[in-house]
Amino acid sequence: MGHYQDWIHQSQIEPDYEFIIGYQVPPYLGGKDELHNLEKIDMEVYWEL
C-alpha cells in the first residue's frame, strides 16, 4: 500500500471533493515523504500554496 492508502486506513477519514490528502510540509520545502507528514487539507488552500 502507498502512503495515501495507509493514511486513509489509519485515520479512518475519506477525502471528498473539497478536501485532499496532502503534505503538512511539502518535500520541496524539506518535509519527509512519510505517513506522519500527511493531513486532510482544504483543496483551495493547498493549491494556493
PDB file of N, CA and C in Angstrom:
ATOM      1  N   MET A   1       0.829  -1.178   0.000  1.00  0.00           N
ATOM      2  CA  MET A   1       0.000   0.000   0.000  1.00  0.00           C
ATOM      3  C   MET A   1       0.880   1.250   0.000  1.00  0.00           C
ATOM      4  N   GLY A   2       0.416   2.282  -0.678  1.00  0.00           N
ATOM      5  CA  GLY A   2       1.135   3.550  -0.676  1.00  0.00           C
ATOM      6  C   GLY A   2       0.757   4.395   0.525  1.00  0.00           C
ATOM      7  N   HIS A   3       1.422   5.533   0.669  1.00  0.00           N
ATOM      8  CA  HIS A   3       1.146   6.419   1.797  1.00  0.00           C
ATOM      9  C   HIS A   3      -0.312   6.846   1.833  1.00  0.00           C
ATOM     10  N   TYR A   4      -0.898   7.126   0.677  1.00  0.00           N
ATOM     11  CA  TYR A   4      -2.287   7.580   0.612  1.00  0.00           C
ATOM     12  C   TYR A   4      -3.225   6.539   1.221  1.00  0.00           C
ATOM     13  N   GLN A   5      -3.124   5.301   0.773  1.00  0.00           N
ATOM     14  CA  GLN A   5      -3.987   4.247   1.298  1.00  0.00           C
ATOM     15  C   GLN A   5      -3.699   3.974   2.771  1.00  0.00           C
ATOM     16  N   ASP A   6      -2.431   4.018   3.157  1.00  0.00           N
ATOM     17  CA  ASP A   6      -2.067   3.819   4.568  1.00  0.00           C
ATOM     18  C   ASP A   6      -2.699   4.893   5.437  1.00  0.00           C
ATOM     19  N   TRP A   7      -2.644   6.145   4.981  1.00  0.00           N
ATOM     20  CA  TRP A   7      -3.208   7.248   5.757  1.00  0.00           C
ATOM     21  C   TRP A   7      -4.719   7.085   5.895  1.00  0.00           C
ATOM     22  N   ILE A   8      -5.399   6.747   4.799  1.00  0.00           N
ATOM     23  CA  ILE A   8      -6.851   6.545   4.824  1.00  0.00           C
ATOM     24  C   ILE A   8      -7.198   5.424   5.812  1.00  0.00           C
ATOM     25  N   HIS A   9      -6.450   4.325   5.751  1.00  0.00           N
ATOM     26  CA  HIS A   9      -6.702   3.189   6.641  1.00  0.00           C
ATOM     27  C   HIS A   9      -6.465   3.563   8.105  1.00  0.00           C
ATOM     28  N   GLN A  10      -5.379   4.271   8.371  1.00  0.00           N
ATOM     29  CA  GLN A  10      -5.019   4.623   9.738  1.00  0.00           C
ATOM     30  C   GLN A  10      -5.951   5.691  10.321  1.00  0.00           C
ATOM     31  N   SER A  11      -6.279   6.708   9.531  1.00  0.00           N
ATOM     32  CA  SER A  11      -7.061   7.819  10.059  1.00  0.00           C
ATOM     33  C   SER A  11      -8.564   7.583  10.010  1.00  0.00           C
ATOM     34  N   GLN A  12      -9.011   6.644   9.180  1.00  0.00           N
ATOM     35  CA  GLN A  12     -10.435   6.372   9.000  1.00  0.00           C
ATOM     36  C   GLN A  12     -11.178   7.592   8.443  1.00  0.00           C
ATOM     37  N   ILE A  13     -10.465   8.470   7.729  1.00  0.00           N
ATOM     38  CA  ILE A  13     -11.049   9.663   7.118  1.00  0.00           C
ATOM     39  C   ILE A  13     -10.946   9.526   5.609  1.00  0.00           C
ATOM     40  N   GLU A  14     -12.067   9.712   4.927  1.00  0.00           N
ATOM     41  CA  GLU A  14     -12.076   9.668   3.467  1.00  0.00           C
ATOM     42  C   GLU A  14     -12.023  11.090   2.917  1.00  0.00           C
ATOM     43  N   PRO A  15     -11.192  11.343   1.925  1.00  0.00           N
ATOM     44  CA  PRO A  15     -11.204  12.664   1.289  1.00  0.00           C
ATOM     45  C   PRO A  15     -12.502  12.836   0.498  1.00  0.00           C
ATOM     46  N   ASP A  16     -12.874  14.078   0.241  1.00  0.00           N
ATOM     47  CA  ASP A  16     -14.055  14.341  -0.566  1.00  0.00           C
ATOM     48  C   ASP A  16     -13.717  15.416  -1.590  1.00  0.00           C
ATOM     49  N   TYR A  17     -14.724  15.995  -2.218  1.00  0.00           N
ATOM     50  CA  TYR A  17     -14.476  16.945  -3.295  1.00  0.00           C
ATOM     51  C   TYR A  17     -13.863  18.253  -2.836  1.00  0.00           C
ATOM     52  N   GLU A  18     -13.985  18.587  -1.570  1.00  0.00           N
ATOM     53  CA  GLU A  18     -13.448  19.840  -1.064  1.00  0.00           C
ATOM     54  C   GLU A  18     -12.104  19.681  -0.372  1.00  0.00           C
ATOM     55  N   PHE A  19     -11.761  18.447  -0.032  1.00  0.00           N
ATOM     56  CA  PHE A  19     -10.528  18.205   0.705  1.00  0.00           C
ATOM     57  C   PHE A  19      -9.679  17.154   0.000  1.00  0.00           C
ATOM     58  N   ILE A  20      -8.369  17.246   0.237  1.00  0.00           N
ATOM     59  CA  ILE A  20      -7.426  16.272  -0.307  1.00  0.00           C
ATOM     60  C   ILE A  20      -6.500  15.818   0.811  1.00  0.00           C
ATOM     61  N   ILE A  21      -5.750  14.787   0.554  1.00  0.00           N
ATOM     62  CA  ILE A  21      -4.704  14.347   1.459  1.00  0.00           C
ATOM     63  C   ILE A  21      -3.406  14.898   0.901  1.00  0.00           C
ATOM     64  N   GLY A  22      -2.749  15.768   1.658  1.00  0.00           N
ATOM     65  CA  GLY A  22      -1.537  16.416   1.182  1.00  0.00           C
ATOM     66  C   GLY A  22      -0.490  16.483   2.273  1.00  0.00           C
ATOM     67  N   TYR A  23       0.667  16.971   1.895  1.00  0.00           N
ATOM     68  CA  TYR A  23       1.782  17.092   2.837  1.00  0.00           C
ATOM     69  C   TYR A  23       1.574  18.263   3.786  1.00  0.00           C
ATOM     70  N   GLN A  24       1.881  18.048   5.054  1.00  0.00           N
ATOM     71  CA  GLN A  24       1.909  19.155   6.009  1.00  0.00           C
ATOM     72  C   GLN A  24       3.060  20.082   5.630  1.00  0.00           C
ATOM     73  N   VAL A  25       4.228  19.500   5.385  1.00  0.00           N
ATOM     74  CA  VAL A  25       5.399  20.226   4.891  1.00  0.00           C
ATOM     75  C   VAL A  25       5.818  19.528   3.601  1.00  0.00           C
ATOM     76  N   PRO A  26       5.656  20.192   2.443  1.00  0.00           N
ATOM     77  CA  PRO A  26       5.994  19.554   1.162  1.00  0.00           C
ATOM     78  C   PRO A  26       7.478  19.154   1.096  1.00  0.00           C
ATOM     79  N   PRO A  27       7.765  18.073   0.387  1.00  0.00           N
ATOM     80  CA  PRO A  27       9.156  17.618   0.273  1.00  0.00           C
ATOM     81  C   PRO A  27      10.104  18.692  -0.280  1.00  0.00           C
ATOM     82  N   TYR A  28       9.612  19.531  -1.189  1.00  0.00           N
ATOM     83  CA  TYR A  28      10.493  20.559  -1.748  1.00  0.00           C
ATOM     84  C   TYR A  28      10.811  21.665  -0.738  1.00  0.00           C
ATOM     85  N   LEU A  29      10.134  21.656   0.408  1.00  0.00           N
ATOM     86  CA  LEU A  29      10.444  22.592   1.489  1.00  0.00           C
ATOM     87  C   LEU A  29      11.111  21.882   2.664  1.00  0.00           C
ATOM     88  N   GLY A  30      11.554  20.656   2.438  1.00  0.00           N
ATOM     89  CA  GLY A  30      12.265  19.912   3.465  1.00  0.00           C
ATOM     90  C   GLY A  30      11.433  18.887   4.211  1.00  0.00           C
ATOM     91  N   GLY A  31      10.160  18.748   3.859  1.00  0.00           N
ATOM     92  CA  GLY A  31       9.307  17.755   4.506  1.00  0.00           C
ATOM     93  C   GLY A  31       9.664  16.347   4.066  1.00  0.00           C
ATOM     94  N   LYS A  32       9.353  15.406   4.889  1.00  0.00           N
ATOM     95  CA  LYS A  32       9.630  13.996   4.589  1.00  0.00           C
ATOM     96  C   LYS A  32       8.447  13.357   3.860  1.00  0.00           C
ATOM     97  N   ASP A  33       8.744  12.419   2.977  1.00  0.00           N
ATOM     98  CA  ASP A  33       7.713  11.646   2.284  1.00  0.00           C
ATOM     99  C   ASP A  33       7.350  10.461   3.172  1.00  0.00           C
ATOM    100  N   GLU A  34       6.688  10.798   4.297  1.00  0.00           N
ATOM    101  CA  GLU A  34       6.327   9.801   5.293  1.00  0.00           C
ATOM    102  C   GLU A  34       4.870   9.970   5.691  1.00  0.00           C
ATOM    103  N   LEU A  35       4.302   8.923   6.227  1.00  0.00           N
ATOM    104  CA  LEU A  35       2.899   8.887   6.597  1.00  0.00           C
ATOM    105  C   LEU A  35       2.521   9.993   7.588  1.00  0.00           C
ATOM    106  N   HIS A  36       3.362  10.241   8.575  1.00  0.00           N
ATOM    107  CA  HIS A  36       3.014  11.246   9.589  1.00  0.00           C
ATOM    108  C   HIS A  36       3.075  12.677   9.055  1.00  0.00           C
ATOM    109  N   ASN A  37       3.556  12.869   7.840  1.00  0.00           N
ATOM    110  CA  ASN A  37       3.619  14.195   7.226  1.00  0.00           C
ATOM    111  C   ASN A  37       2.403  14.465   6.330  1.00  0.00           C
ATOM    112  N   LEU A  38       1.394  13.606   6.362  1.00  0.00           N
ATOM    113  CA  LEU A  38       0.192  13.795   5.558  1.00  0.00           C
ATOM    114  C   LEU A  38      -0.963  14.267   6.438  1.00  0.00           C
ATOM    115  N   GLU A  39      -1.863  15.054   5.844  1.00  0.00           N
ATOM    116  CA  GLU A  39      -3.045  15.520   6.554  1.00  0.00           C
ATOM    117  C   GLU A  39      -4.148  15.836   5.557  1.00  0.00           C
ATOM    118  N   LYS A  40      -5.369  15.931   6.064  1.00  0.00           N
ATOM    119  CA  LYS A  40      -6.506  16.318   5.246  1.00  0.00           C
ATOM    120  C   LYS A  40      -6.482  17.843   5.135  1.00  0.00           C
ATOM    121  N   ILE A  41      -6.491  18.360   3.895  1.00  0.00           N
ATOM    122  CA  ILE A  41      -6.337  19.790   3.647  1.00  0.00           C
ATOM    123  C   ILE A  41      -7.426  20.265   2.701  1.00  0.00           C
ATOM    124  N   ASP A  42      -7.928  21.475   2.936  1.00  0.00           N
ATOM    125  CA  ASP A  42      -8.863  22.105   2.016  1.00  0.00           C
ATOM    126  C   ASP A  42      -8.165  22.276   0.662  1.00  0.00           C
ATOM    127  N   MET A  43      -8.789  21.797  -0.404  1.00  0.00           N
ATOM    128  CA  MET A  43      -8.149  21.794  -1.718  1.00  0.00           C
ATOM    129  C   MET A  43      -7.779  23.191  -2.193  1.00  0.00           C
ATOM    130  N   GLU A  44      -8.637  24.175  -1.976  1.00  0.00           N
ATOM    131  CA  GLU A  44      -8.338  25.547  -2.407  1.00  0.00           C
ATOM    132  C   GLU A  44      -7.114  26.095  -1.707  1.00  0.00           C
ATOM    133  N   VAL A  45      -6.975  25.823  -0.427  1.00  0.00           N
ATOM    134  CA  VAL A  45      -5.806  26.280   0.323  1.00  0.00           C
ATOM    135  C   VAL A  45      -4.557  25.595  -0.190  1.00  0.00           C
ATOM    136  N   TYR A  46      -4.632  24.296  -0.438  1.00  0.00           N
ATOM    137  CA  TYR A  46      -3.468  23.545  -0.899  1.00  0.00           C
ATOM    138  C   TYR A  46      -2.967  24.062  -2.235  1.00  0.00           C
ATOM    139  N   TRP A  47      -3.863  24.357  -3.166  1.00  0.00           N
ATOM    140  CA  TRP A  47      -3.454  24.847  -4.475  1.00  0.00           C
ATOM    141  C   TRP A  47      -2.921  26.267  -4.421  1.00  0.00           C
ATOM    142  N   GLU A  48      -3.375  27.056  -3.453  1.00  0.00           N
ATOM    143  CA  GLU A  48      -2.864  28.426  -3.295  1.00  0.00           C
ATOM    144  C   GLU A  48      -1.420  28.432  -2.832  1.00  0.00           C
ATOM    145  N   LEU A  49      -1.052  27.450  -2.025  1.00  0.00           N
ATOM    146  CA  LEU A  49       0.315  27.391  -1.522  1.00  0.00           C
ATOM    147  C   LEU A  49       1.235  26.988  -2.631  1.00  0.00           C
TER     148      LEU A  49
END
